[in-house]
PDB file of N, CA and C in Angstrom:
ATOM      1  N   MET A   1     -59.589  38.575   9.069  1.00  0.00           N
ATOM      2  CA  MET A   1     -58.563  38.304   8.101  1.00  0.00           C
ATOM      3  C   MET A   1     -57.302  37.769   8.773  1.00  0.00           C
ATOM      4  N   ARG A   2     -56.939  38.327   9.895  1.00  0.00           N
ATOM      5  CA  ARG A   2     -55.743  37.917  10.617  1.00  0.00           C
ATOM      6  C   ARG A   2     -55.911  36.486  11.152  1.00  0.00           C
ATOM      7  N   VAL A   3     -57.089  36.143  11.642  1.00  0.00           N
ATOM      8  CA  VAL A   3     -57.347  34.799  12.165  1.00  0.00           C
ATOM      9  C   VAL A   3     -57.227  33.778  11.034  1.00  0.00           C
ATOM     10  N   ARG A   4     -57.730  34.119   9.868  1.00  0.00           N
ATOM     11  CA  ARG A   4     -57.664  33.224   8.724  1.00  0.00           C
ATOM     12  C   ARG A   4     -56.205  32.938   8.355  1.00  0.00           C
ATOM     13  N   SER A   5     -55.356  33.901   8.406  1.00  0.00           N
ATOM     14  CA  SER A   5     -53.934  33.721   8.089  1.00  0.00           C
ATOM     15  C   SER A   5     -53.264  32.809   9.120  1.00  0.00           C
ATOM     16  N   ILE A   6     -53.589  33.001  10.371  1.00  0.00           N
ATOM     17  CA  ILE A   6     -52.999  32.174  11.437  1.00  0.00           C
ATOM     18  C   ILE A   6     -53.458  30.725  11.280  1.00  0.00           C
ATOM     19  N   VAL A   7     -54.742  30.526  11.017  1.00  0.00           N
ATOM     20  CA  VAL A   7     -55.265  29.162  10.833  1.00  0.00           C
ATOM     21  C   VAL A   7     -54.584  28.518   9.635  1.00  0.00           C
ATOM     22  N   LEU A   8     -54.416  29.241   8.557  1.00  0.00           N
ATOM     23  CA  LEU A   8     -53.763  28.708   7.360  1.00  0.00           C
ATOM     24  C   LEU A   8     -52.309  28.313   7.659  1.00  0.00           C
ATOM     25  N   ILE A   9     -51.611  29.124   8.404  1.00  0.00           N
ATOM     26  CA  ILE A   9     -50.221  28.826   8.772  1.00  0.00           C
ATOM     27  C   ILE A   9     -50.154  27.585   9.661  1.00  0.00           C
ATOM     28  N   VAL A  10     -51.049  27.505  10.650  1.00  0.00           N
ATOM     29  CA  VAL A  10     -51.057  26.351  11.563  1.00  0.00           C
ATOM     30  C   VAL A  10     -51.371  25.073  10.793  1.00  0.00           C
ATOM     31  N   VAL A  11     -52.360  25.109   9.914  1.00  0.00           N
ATOM     32  CA  VAL A  11     -52.718  23.932   9.123  1.00  0.00           C
ATOM     33  C   VAL A  11     -51.556  23.540   8.206  1.00  0.00           C
ATOM     34  N   SER A  12     -50.913  24.510   7.619  1.00  0.00           N
ATOM     35  CA  SER A  12     -49.768  24.227   6.746  1.00  0.00           C
ATOM     36  C   SER A  12     -48.633  23.568   7.525  1.00  0.00           C
ATOM     37  N   LEU A  13     -48.361  24.086   8.709  1.00  0.00           N
ATOM     38  CA  LEU A  13     -47.309  23.489   9.547  1.00  0.00           C
ATOM     39  C   LEU A  13     -47.677  22.067   9.957  1.00  0.00           C
ATOM     40  N   MET A  14     -48.945  21.845  10.287  1.00  0.00           N
ATOM     41  CA  MET A  14     -49.384  20.488  10.674  1.00  0.00           C
ATOM     42  C   MET A  14     -49.218  19.521   9.506  1.00  0.00           C
ATOM     43  N   LEU A  15     -49.585  19.940   8.298  1.00  0.00           N
ATOM     44  CA  LEU A  15     -49.405  19.091   7.123  1.00  0.00           C
ATOM     45  C   LEU A  15     -47.932  18.807   6.860  1.00  0.00           C
ATOM     46  N   LEU A  16     -47.087  19.808   7.049  1.00  0.00           N
ATOM     47  CA  LEU A  16     -45.657  19.634   6.862  1.00  0.00           C
ATOM     48  C   LEU A  16     -45.098  18.613   7.857  1.00  0.00           C
ATOM     49  N   VAL A  17     -45.463  18.775   9.121  1.00  0.00           N
ATOM     50  CA  VAL A  17     -44.997  17.843  10.158  1.00  0.00           C
ATOM     51  C   VAL A  17     -45.515  16.435   9.871  1.00  0.00           C
ATOM     52  N   PHE A  18     -46.769  16.311   9.487  1.00  0.00           N
ATOM     53  CA  PHE A  18     -47.357  15.010   9.171  1.00  0.00           C
ATOM     54  C   PHE A  18     -46.632  14.350   8.005  1.00  0.00           C
ATOM     55  N   SER A  19     -46.370  15.108   6.955  1.00  0.00           N
ATOM     56  CA  SER A  19     -45.704  14.525   5.788  1.00  0.00           C
ATOM     57  C   SER A  19     -44.265  14.124   6.105  1.00  0.00           C
ATOM     58  N   ILE A  20     -43.582  14.886   6.946  1.00  0.00           N
ATOM     59  CA  ILE A  20     -42.217  14.516   7.341  1.00  0.00           C
ATOM     60  C   ILE A  20     -42.248  13.248   8.187  1.00  0.00           C
ATOM     61  N   GLY A  21     -43.207  13.165   9.095  1.00  0.00           N
ATOM     62  CA  GLY A  21     -43.311  11.983   9.955  1.00  0.00           C
ATOM     63  C   GLY A  21     -43.617  10.723   9.165  1.00  0.00           C
ATOM     64  N   CYS A  22     -44.453  10.845   8.145  1.00  0.00           N
ATOM     65  CA  CYS A  22     -44.799   9.688   7.328  1.00  0.00           C
ATOM     66  C   CYS A  22     -43.689   9.295   6.370  1.00  0.00           C
ATOM     67  N   ALA A  23     -42.764  10.185   6.110  1.00  0.00           N
ATOM     68  CA  ALA A  23     -41.691   9.917   5.164  1.00  0.00           C
ATOM     69  C   ALA A  23     -40.526   9.174   5.805  1.00  0.00           C
ATOM     70  N   LYS A  24     -40.547   9.000   7.122  1.00  0.00           N
ATOM     71  CA  LYS A  24     -39.443   8.303   7.790  1.00  0.00           C
ATOM     72  C   LYS A  24     -39.383   6.863   7.305  1.00  0.00           C
ATOM     73  N   GLN A  25     -38.183   6.410   7.048  1.00  0.00           N
ATOM     74  CA  GLN A  25     -38.004   5.040   6.606  1.00  0.00           C
ATOM     75  C   GLN A  25     -37.736   4.152   7.805  1.00  0.00           C
ATOM     76  N   GLU A  26     -38.264   2.937   7.739  1.00  0.00           N
ATOM     77  CA  GLU A  26     -38.016   1.961   8.789  1.00  0.00           C
ATOM     78  C   GLU A  26     -36.587   1.461   8.676  1.00  0.00           C
ATOM     79  N   PRO A  27     -35.942   1.183   9.806  1.00  0.00           N
ATOM     80  CA  PRO A  27     -34.587   0.631   9.719  1.00  0.00           C
ATOM     81  C   PRO A  27     -34.644  -0.758   9.094  1.00  0.00           C
ATOM     82  N   PRO A  28     -33.608  -1.153   8.399  1.00  0.00           N
ATOM     83  CA  PRO A  28     -33.617  -2.471   7.763  1.00  0.00           C
ATOM     84  C   PRO A  28     -33.671  -3.577   8.808  1.00  0.00           C
ATOM     85  N   ALA A  29     -34.325  -4.660   8.433  1.00  0.00           N
ATOM     86  CA  ALA A  29     -34.425  -5.813   9.327  1.00  0.00           C
ATOM     87  C   ALA A  29     -33.036  -6.424   9.496  1.00  0.00           C
ATOM     88  N   PRO A  30     -32.760  -6.964  10.692  1.00  0.00           N
ATOM     89  CA  PRO A  30     -31.441  -7.575  10.886  1.00  0.00           C
ATOM     90  C   PRO A  30     -31.254  -8.759   9.940  1.00  0.00           C
ATOM     91  N   ALA A  31     -30.057  -8.890   9.440  1.00  0.00           N
ATOM     92  CA  ALA A  31     -29.749  -9.965   8.505  1.00  0.00           C
ATOM     93  C   ALA A  31     -29.662 -11.288   9.243  1.00  0.00           C
ATOM     94  N   ALA A  32     -29.874 -12.350   8.515  1.00  0.00           N
ATOM     95  CA  ALA A  32     -29.739 -13.690   9.087  1.00  0.00           C
ATOM     96  C   ALA A  32     -28.285 -13.906   9.468  1.00  0.00           C
ATOM     97  N   PRO A  33     -28.045 -14.690  10.518  1.00  0.00           N
ATOM     98  CA  PRO A  33     -26.655 -14.923  10.926  1.00  0.00           C
ATOM     99  C   PRO A  33     -25.858 -15.581   9.804  1.00  0.00           C
ATOM    100  N   ALA A  34     -24.612 -15.216   9.739  1.00  0.00           N
ATOM    101  CA  ALA A  34     -23.722 -15.781   8.718  1.00  0.00           C
ATOM    102  C   ALA A  34     -23.524 -17.267   8.976  1.00  0.00           C
ATOM    103  N   ALA A  35     -23.071 -17.944   7.959  1.00  0.00           N
ATOM    104  CA  ALA A  35     -22.910 -19.397   8.045  1.00  0.00           C
ATOM    105  C   ALA A  35     -21.965 -19.796   9.185  1.00  0.00           C
ATOM    106  N   GLY A  36     -20.944 -19.012   9.441  1.00  0.00           N
ATOM    107  CA  GLY A  36     -19.986 -19.355  10.479  1.00  0.00           C
ATOM    108  C   GLY A  36     -20.326 -18.775  11.842  1.00  0.00           C
ATOM    109  N   ALA A  37     -21.400 -17.986  11.928  1.00  0.00           N
ATOM    110  CA  ALA A  37     -21.760 -17.330  13.185  1.00  0.00           C
ATOM    111  C   ALA A  37     -22.365 -18.347  14.152  1.00  0.00           C
ATOM    112  N   PRO A  38     -22.118 -18.167  15.444  1.00  0.00           N
ATOM    113  CA  PRO A  38     -22.686 -19.105  16.412  1.00  0.00           C
ATOM    114  C   PRO A  38     -24.201 -18.955  16.472  1.00  0.00           C
ATOM    115  N   ALA A  39     -24.868 -20.071  16.646  1.00  0.00           N
ATOM    116  CA  ALA A  39     -26.329 -20.072  16.734  1.00  0.00           C
ATOM    117  C   ALA A  39     -26.754 -19.599  18.116  1.00  0.00           C
ATOM    118  N   ALA A  40     -28.033 -19.291  18.256  1.00  0.00           N
ATOM    119  CA  ALA A  40     -28.565 -18.888  19.557  1.00  0.00           C
ATOM    120  C   ALA A  40     -28.357 -20.037  20.547  1.00  0.00           C
ATOM    121  N   PRO A  41     -28.091 -19.715  21.800  1.00  0.00           N
ATOM    122  CA  PRO A  41     -27.837 -20.782  22.768  1.00  0.00           C
ATOM    123  C   PRO A  41     -29.075 -21.663  22.946  1.00  0.00           C
ATOM    124  N   ALA A  42     -28.840 -22.949  23.051  1.00  0.00           N
ATOM    125  CA  ALA A  42     -29.935 -23.901  23.257  1.00  0.00           C
ATOM    126  C   ALA A  42     -30.454 -23.771  24.694  1.00  0.00           C
ATOM    127  N   LEU A  43     -31.752 -23.842  24.832  1.00  0.00           N
ATOM    128  CA  LEU A  43     -32.364 -23.726  26.155  1.00  0.00           C
ATOM    129  C   LEU A  43     -32.429 -25.092  26.819  1.00  0.00           C
ATOM    130  N   ASP A  44     -32.272 -25.107  28.126  1.00  0.00           N
ATOM    131  CA  ASP A  44     -32.369 -26.363  28.854  1.00  0.00           C
ATOM    132  C   ASP A  44     -33.835 -26.680  29.158  1.00  0.00           C
ATOM    133  N   GLY A  45     -34.087 -27.888  29.657  1.00  0.00           N
ATOM    134  CA  GLY A  45     -35.450 -28.347  29.909  1.00  0.00           C
ATOM    135  C   GLY A  45     -36.227 -27.484  30.897  1.00  0.00           C
ATOM    136  N   LYS A  46     -35.579 -27.037  31.967  1.00  0.00           N
ATOM    137  CA  LYS A  46     -36.271 -26.221  32.957  1.00  0.00           C
ATOM    138  C   LYS A  46     -36.675 -24.878  32.369  1.00  0.00           C
ATOM    139  N   THR A  47     -35.763 -24.261  31.625  1.00  0.00           N
ATOM    140  CA  THR A  47     -36.067 -22.979  30.990  1.00  0.00           C
ATOM    141  C   THR A  47     -37.199 -23.140  29.979  1.00  0.00           C
ATOM    142  N   LEU A  48     -37.139 -24.218  29.196  1.00  0.00           N
ATOM    143  CA  LEU A  48     -38.221 -24.470  28.246  1.00  0.00           C
ATOM    144  C   LEU A  48     -39.543 -24.695  28.970  1.00  0.00           C
ATOM    145  N   PHE A  49     -39.498 -25.452  30.080  1.00  0.00           N
ATOM    146  CA  PHE A  49     -40.724 -25.668  30.849  1.00  0.00           C
ATOM    147  C   PHE A  49     -41.281 -24.334  31.338  1.00  0.00           C
ATOM    148  N   ASP A  50     -40.404 -23.498  31.876  1.00  0.00           N
ATOM    149  CA  ASP A  50     -40.849 -22.194  32.373  1.00  0.00           C
ATOM    150  C   ASP A  50     -41.430 -21.337  31.251  1.00  0.00           C
ATOM    151  N   ASN A  51     -40.764 -21.319  30.088  1.00  0.00           N
ATOM    152  CA  ASN A  51     -41.188 -20.464  28.975  1.00  0.00           C
ATOM    153  C   ASN A  51     -42.409 -20.994  28.246  1.00  0.00           C
ATOM    154  N   LYS A  52     -42.489 -22.280  28.069  1.00  0.00           N
ATOM    155  CA  LYS A  52     -43.561 -22.861  27.261  1.00  0.00           C
ATOM    156  C   LYS A  52     -44.738 -23.324  28.125  1.00  0.00           C
ATOM    157  N   CYS A  53     -44.453 -24.135  29.132  1.00  0.00           N
ATOM    158  CA  CYS A  53     -45.526 -24.695  29.961  1.00  0.00           C
ATOM    159  C   CYS A  53     -46.006 -23.688  31.001  1.00  0.00           C
ATOM    160  N   GLY A  54     -45.078 -22.829  31.445  1.00  0.00           N
ATOM    161  CA  GLY A  54     -45.398 -21.861  32.480  1.00  0.00           C
ATOM    162  C   GLY A  54     -46.380 -20.792  32.043  1.00  0.00           C
ATOM    163  N   VAL A  55     -46.676 -20.716  30.757  1.00  0.00           N
ATOM    164  CA  VAL A  55     -47.674 -19.762  30.275  1.00  0.00           C
ATOM    165  C   VAL A  55     -49.042 -20.117  30.847  1.00  0.00           C
ATOM    166  N   CYS A  56     -49.331 -21.403  30.954  1.00  0.00           N
ATOM    167  CA  CYS A  56     -50.638 -21.852  31.460  1.00  0.00           C
ATOM    168  C   CYS A  56     -50.585 -22.278  32.928  1.00  0.00           C
ATOM    169  N   HIS A  57     -49.481 -22.865  33.344  1.00  0.00           N
ATOM    170  CA  HIS A  57     -49.372 -23.315  34.733  1.00  0.00           C
ATOM    171  C   HIS A  57     -47.918 -23.312  35.172  1.00  0.00           C
ATOM    172  N   GLY A  58     -47.704 -23.219  36.445  1.00  0.00           N
ATOM    173  CA  GLY A  58     -46.358 -23.105  36.980  1.00  0.00           C
ATOM    174  C   GLY A  58     -45.708 -24.436  37.280  1.00  0.00           C
ATOM    175  N   ILE A  59     -44.474 -24.358  37.707  1.00  0.00           N
ATOM    176  CA  ILE A  59     -43.701 -25.556  38.039  1.00  0.00           C
ATOM    177  C   ILE A  59     -44.340 -26.330  39.182  1.00  0.00           C
ATOM    178  N   ASP A  60     -45.071 -25.627  40.063  1.00  0.00           N
ATOM    179  CA  ASP A  60     -45.700 -26.304  41.195  1.00  0.00           C
ATOM    180  C   ASP A  60     -46.704 -27.355  40.737  1.00  0.00           C
ATOM    181  N   ARG A  61     -47.303 -27.161  39.586  1.00  0.00           N
ATOM    182  CA  ARG A  61     -48.263 -28.134  39.075  1.00  0.00           C
ATOM    183  C   ARG A  61     -47.550 -29.429  38.697  1.00  0.00           C
ATOM    184  N   ALA A  62     -46.336 -29.325  38.222  1.00  0.00           N
ATOM    185  CA  ALA A  62     -45.578 -30.516  37.851  1.00  0.00           C
ATOM    186  C   ALA A  62     -44.909 -31.161  39.058  1.00  0.00           C
ATOM    187  N   THR A  63     -44.505 -30.356  40.033  1.00  0.00           N
ATOM    188  CA  THR A  63     -43.760 -30.906  41.156  1.00  0.00           C
ATOM    189  C   THR A  63     -44.633 -31.613  42.183  1.00  0.00           C
ATOM    190  N   ILE A  64     -45.925 -31.478  42.096  1.00  0.00           N
ATOM    191  CA  ILE A  64     -46.782 -32.168  43.062  1.00  0.00           C
ATOM    192  C   ILE A  64     -46.953 -33.632  42.704  1.00  0.00           C
ATOM    193  N   ARG A  65     -46.435 -34.034  41.550  1.00  0.00           N
ATOM    194  CA  ARG A  65     -46.576 -35.426  41.140  1.00  0.00           C
ATOM    195  C   ARG A  65     -45.241 -35.979  40.673  1.00  0.00           C
ATOM    196  N   THR A  66     -45.124 -37.271  40.715  1.00  0.00           N
ATOM    197  CA  THR A  66     -43.973 -37.952  40.135  1.00  0.00           C
ATOM    198  C   THR A  66     -44.513 -38.981  39.156  1.00  0.00           C
ATOM    199  N   GLU A  67     -43.932 -39.007  37.989  1.00  0.00           N
ATOM    200  CA  GLU A  67     -44.385 -39.903  36.928  1.00  0.00           C
ATOM    201  C   GLU A  67     -43.181 -40.563  36.270  1.00  0.00           C
ATOM    202  N   THR A  68     -43.446 -41.633  35.560  1.00  0.00           N
ATOM    203  CA  THR A  68     -42.395 -42.255  34.763  1.00  0.00           C
ATOM    204  C   THR A  68     -42.108 -41.362  33.561  1.00  0.00           C
ATOM    205  N   LYS A  69     -40.969 -41.609  32.935  1.00  0.00           N
ATOM    206  CA  LYS A  69     -40.609 -40.817  31.762  1.00  0.00           C
ATOM    207  C   LYS A  69     -41.659 -40.979  30.658  1.00  0.00           C
ATOM    208  N   GLU A  70     -42.181 -42.199  30.510  1.00  0.00           N
ATOM    209  CA  GLU A  70     -43.201 -42.451  29.495  1.00  0.00           C
ATOM    210  C   GLU A  70     -44.470 -41.648  29.775  1.00  0.00           C
ATOM    211  N   LYS A  71     -44.861 -41.580  31.050  1.00  0.00           N
ATOM    212  CA  LYS A  71     -46.057 -40.813  31.416  1.00  0.00           C
ATOM    213  C   LYS A  71     -45.825 -39.322  31.191  1.00  0.00           C
ATOM    214  N   TRP A  72     -44.626 -38.824  31.562  1.00  0.00           N
ATOM    215  CA  TRP A  72     -44.321 -37.415  31.293  1.00  0.00           C
ATOM    216  C   TRP A  72     -44.383 -37.139  29.789  1.00  0.00           C
ATOM    217  N   ALA A  73     -43.857 -38.077  28.986  1.00  0.00           N
ATOM    218  CA  ALA A  73     -43.889 -37.908  27.534  1.00  0.00           C
ATOM    219  C   ALA A  73     -45.331 -37.836  27.040  1.00  0.00           C
ATOM    220  N   SER A  74     -46.190 -38.651  27.596  1.00  0.00           N
ATOM    221  CA  SER A  74     -47.611 -38.634  27.217  1.00  0.00           C
ATOM    222  C   SER A  74     -48.274 -37.311  27.604  1.00  0.00           C
ATOM    223  N   ILE A  75     -47.961 -36.826  28.791  1.00  0.00           N
ATOM    224  CA  ILE A  75     -48.542 -35.557  29.263  1.00  0.00           C
ATOM    225  C   ILE A  75     -48.081 -34.399  28.382  1.00  0.00           C
ATOM    226  N   VAL A  76     -46.782 -34.347  28.100  1.00  0.00           N
ATOM    227  CA  VAL A  76     -46.250 -33.265  27.275  1.00  0.00           C
ATOM    228  C   VAL A  76     -46.817 -33.352  25.863  1.00  0.00           C
ATOM    229  N   LYS A  77     -46.967 -34.563  25.334  1.00  0.00           N
ATOM    230  CA  LYS A  77     -47.552 -34.745  23.997  1.00  0.00           C
ATOM    231  C   LYS A  77     -48.985 -34.208  23.976  1.00  0.00           C
ATOM    232  N   ASP A  78     -49.753 -34.488  25.034  1.00  0.00           N
ATOM    233  CA  ASP A  78     -51.114 -33.949  25.133  1.00  0.00           C
ATOM    234  C   ASP A  78     -51.095 -32.420  25.141  1.00  0.00           C
ATOM    235  N   MET A  79     -50.136 -31.852  25.869  1.00  0.00           N
ATOM    236  CA  MET A  79     -50.042 -30.395  25.947  1.00  0.00           C
ATOM    237  C   MET A  79     -49.637 -29.797  24.596  1.00  0.00           C
ATOM    238  N   GLN A  80     -48.795 -30.507  23.850  1.00  0.00           N
ATOM    239  CA  GLN A  80     -48.410 -30.045  22.516  1.00  0.00           C
ATOM    240  C   GLN A  80     -49.640 -29.914  21.624  1.00  0.00           C
ATOM    241  N   GLY A  81     -50.595 -30.820  21.792  1.00  0.00           N
ATOM    242  CA  GLY A  81     -51.798 -30.814  20.968  1.00  0.00           C
ATOM    243  C   GLY A  81     -52.754 -29.684  21.282  1.00  0.00           C
ATOM    244  N   LYS A  82     -52.599 -29.053  22.436  1.00  0.00           N
ATOM    245  CA  LYS A  82     -53.514 -27.981  22.836  1.00  0.00           C
ATOM    246  C   LYS A  82     -53.288 -26.698  22.045  1.00  0.00           C
ATOM    247  N   LYS A  83     -52.051 -26.452  21.641  1.00  0.00           N
ATOM    248  CA  LYS A  83     -51.747 -25.251  20.851  1.00  0.00           C
ATOM    249  C   LYS A  83     -50.696 -25.623  19.817  1.00  0.00           C
ATOM    250  N   ALA A  84     -51.123 -25.706  18.578  1.00  0.00           N
ATOM    251  CA  ALA A  84     -50.243 -26.153  17.501  1.00  0.00           C
ATOM    252  C   ALA A  84     -49.004 -25.266  17.397  1.00  0.00           C
ATOM    253  N   ASP A  85     -47.865 -25.895  17.186  1.00  0.00           N
ATOM    254  CA  ASP A  85     -46.582 -25.222  16.956  1.00  0.00           C
ATOM    255  C   ASP A  85     -46.072 -24.409  18.137  1.00  0.00           C
ATOM    256  N   TRP A  86     -46.598 -24.589  19.326  1.00  0.00           N
ATOM    257  CA  TRP A  86     -46.102 -23.864  20.495  1.00  0.00           C
ATOM    258  C   TRP A  86     -44.880 -24.566  21.062  1.00  0.00           C
ATOM    259  N   ILE A  87     -44.924 -25.888  21.115  1.00  0.00           N
ATOM    260  CA  ILE A  87     -43.800 -26.668  21.629  1.00  0.00           C
ATOM    261  C   ILE A  87     -43.366 -27.628  20.527  1.00  0.00           C
ATOM    262  N   SER A  88     -42.142 -27.467  20.055  1.00  0.00           N
ATOM    263  CA  SER A  88     -41.630 -28.359  19.008  1.00  0.00           C
ATOM    264  C   SER A  88     -41.303 -29.719  19.628  1.00  0.00           C
ATOM    265  N   ASP A  89     -41.099 -30.709  18.777  1.00  0.00           N
ATOM    266  CA  ASP A  89     -40.749 -32.045  19.269  1.00  0.00           C
ATOM    267  C   ASP A  89     -39.409 -32.034  20.001  1.00  0.00           C
ATOM    268  N   ALA A  90     -38.451 -31.245  19.504  1.00  0.00           N
ATOM    269  CA  ALA A  90     -37.139 -31.159  20.162  1.00  0.00           C
ATOM    270  C   ALA A  90     -37.280 -30.522  21.544  1.00  0.00           C
ATOM    271  N   GLU A  91     -38.100 -29.465  21.633  1.00  0.00           N
ATOM    272  CA  GLU A  91     -38.335 -28.820  22.925  1.00  0.00           C
ATOM    273  C   GLU A  91     -39.070 -29.761  23.872  1.00  0.00           C
ATOM    274  N   ALA A  92     -40.037 -30.487  23.339  1.00  0.00           N
ATOM    275  CA  ALA A  92     -40.797 -31.436  24.163  1.00  0.00           C
ATOM    276  C   ALA A  92     -39.868 -32.498  24.745  1.00  0.00           C
ATOM    277  N   ALA A  93     -38.933 -32.984  23.947  1.00  0.00           N
ATOM    278  CA  ALA A  93     -37.995 -34.000  24.425  1.00  0.00           C
ATOM    279  C   ALA A  93     -37.156 -33.466  25.588  1.00  0.00           C
ATOM    280  N   LYS A  94     -36.709 -32.216  25.486  1.00  0.00           N
ATOM    281  CA  LYS A  94     -35.936 -31.621  26.580  1.00  0.00           C
ATOM    282  C   LYS A  94     -36.794 -31.422  27.825  1.00  0.00           C
ATOM    283  N   ILE A  95     -38.034 -31.020  27.636  1.00  0.00           N
ATOM    284  CA  ILE A  95     -38.941 -30.831  28.775  1.00  0.00           C
ATOM    285  C   ILE A  95     -39.197 -32.164  29.456  1.00  0.00           C
ATOM    286  N   VAL A  96     -39.432 -33.219  28.671  1.00  0.00           N
ATOM    287  CA  VAL A  96     -39.663 -34.558  29.231  1.00  0.00           C
ATOM    288  C   VAL A  96     -38.433 -35.025  29.995  1.00  0.00           C
ATOM    289  N   ASP A  97     -37.246 -34.836  29.430  1.00  0.00           N
ATOM    290  CA  ASP A  97     -36.009 -35.238  30.121  1.00  0.00           C
ATOM    291  C   ASP A  97     -35.885 -34.503  31.456  1.00  0.00           C
ATOM    292  N   TYR A  98     -36.182 -33.206  31.462  1.00  0.00           N
ATOM    293  CA  TYR A  98     -36.107 -32.427  32.701  1.00  0.00           C
ATOM    294  C   TYR A  98     -37.112 -32.949  33.721  1.00  0.00           C
ATOM    295  N   LEU A  99     -38.359 -33.122  33.299  1.00  0.00           N
ATOM    296  CA  LEU A  99     -39.390 -33.583  34.240  1.00  0.00           C
ATOM    297  C   LEU A  99     -39.074 -34.973  34.776  1.00  0.00           C
ATOM    298  N   ALA A 100     -38.594 -35.862  33.911  1.00  0.00           N
ATOM    299  CA  ALA A 100     -38.265 -37.209  34.343  1.00  0.00           C
ATOM    300  C   ALA A 100     -37.096 -37.214  35.322  1.00  0.00           C
ATOM    301  N   ALA A 101     -36.115 -36.344  35.077  1.00  0.00           N
ATOM    302  CA  ALA A 101     -34.946 -36.289  35.950  1.00  0.00           C
ATOM    303  C   ALA A 101     -35.280 -35.669  37.297  1.00  0.00           C
ATOM    304  N   GLU A 102     -36.069 -34.611  37.291  1.00  0.00           N
ATOM    305  CA  GLU A 102     -36.362 -33.884  38.518  1.00  0.00           C
ATOM    306  C   GLU A 102     -37.610 -34.373  39.253  1.00  0.00           C
ATOM    307  N   HIS A 103     -38.575 -34.891  38.504  1.00  0.00           N
ATOM    308  CA  HIS A 103     -39.867 -35.248  39.104  1.00  0.00           C
ATOM    309  C   HIS A 103     -40.354 -36.605  38.602  1.00  0.00           C
ATOM    310  N   GLY A 104     -39.399 -37.491  38.332  1.00  0.00           N
ATOM    311  CA  GLY A 104     -39.749 -38.810  37.832  1.00  0.00           C
ATOM    312  C   GLY A 104     -39.716 -39.871  38.912  1.00  0.00           C
ATOM    313  N   LYS A 105     -40.450 -40.929  38.651  1.00  0.00           N
ATOM    314  CA  LYS A 105     -40.416 -42.081  39.566  1.00  0.00           C
ATOM    315  C   LYS A 105     -39.104 -42.808  39.368  1.00  0.00           C
ATOM    316  N   GLN A 106     -38.497 -43.197  40.440  1.00  0.00           N
ATOM    317  CA  GLN A 106     -37.191 -43.871  40.382  1.00  0.00           C
ATOM    318  C   GLN A 106     -37.352 -45.336  40.114  1.00  0.00           C
TER     319      GLN A 106
END
């Protein structure tokens, strides 16, 4: 009889703790920035290359070659096609400018 009472108390406490834990509300999502608030800082070409292209290969893969700006644009365009929406056109333009400036044919 005593064991049954202890088990009942333990189960009741577990249900109480479970119900309290499930009742917690999630904090509200952050609001969109106000119209006058500064936007997130724009990333430069090298940072974009590191963040976007560096997922599959490092900077060393790009630095072993020198290409014209047009060829870099073609390469980046091909890479854009490998994973849809990973690199936007604006980001691609910055990456191409960086590659052409740092690793382009003169």
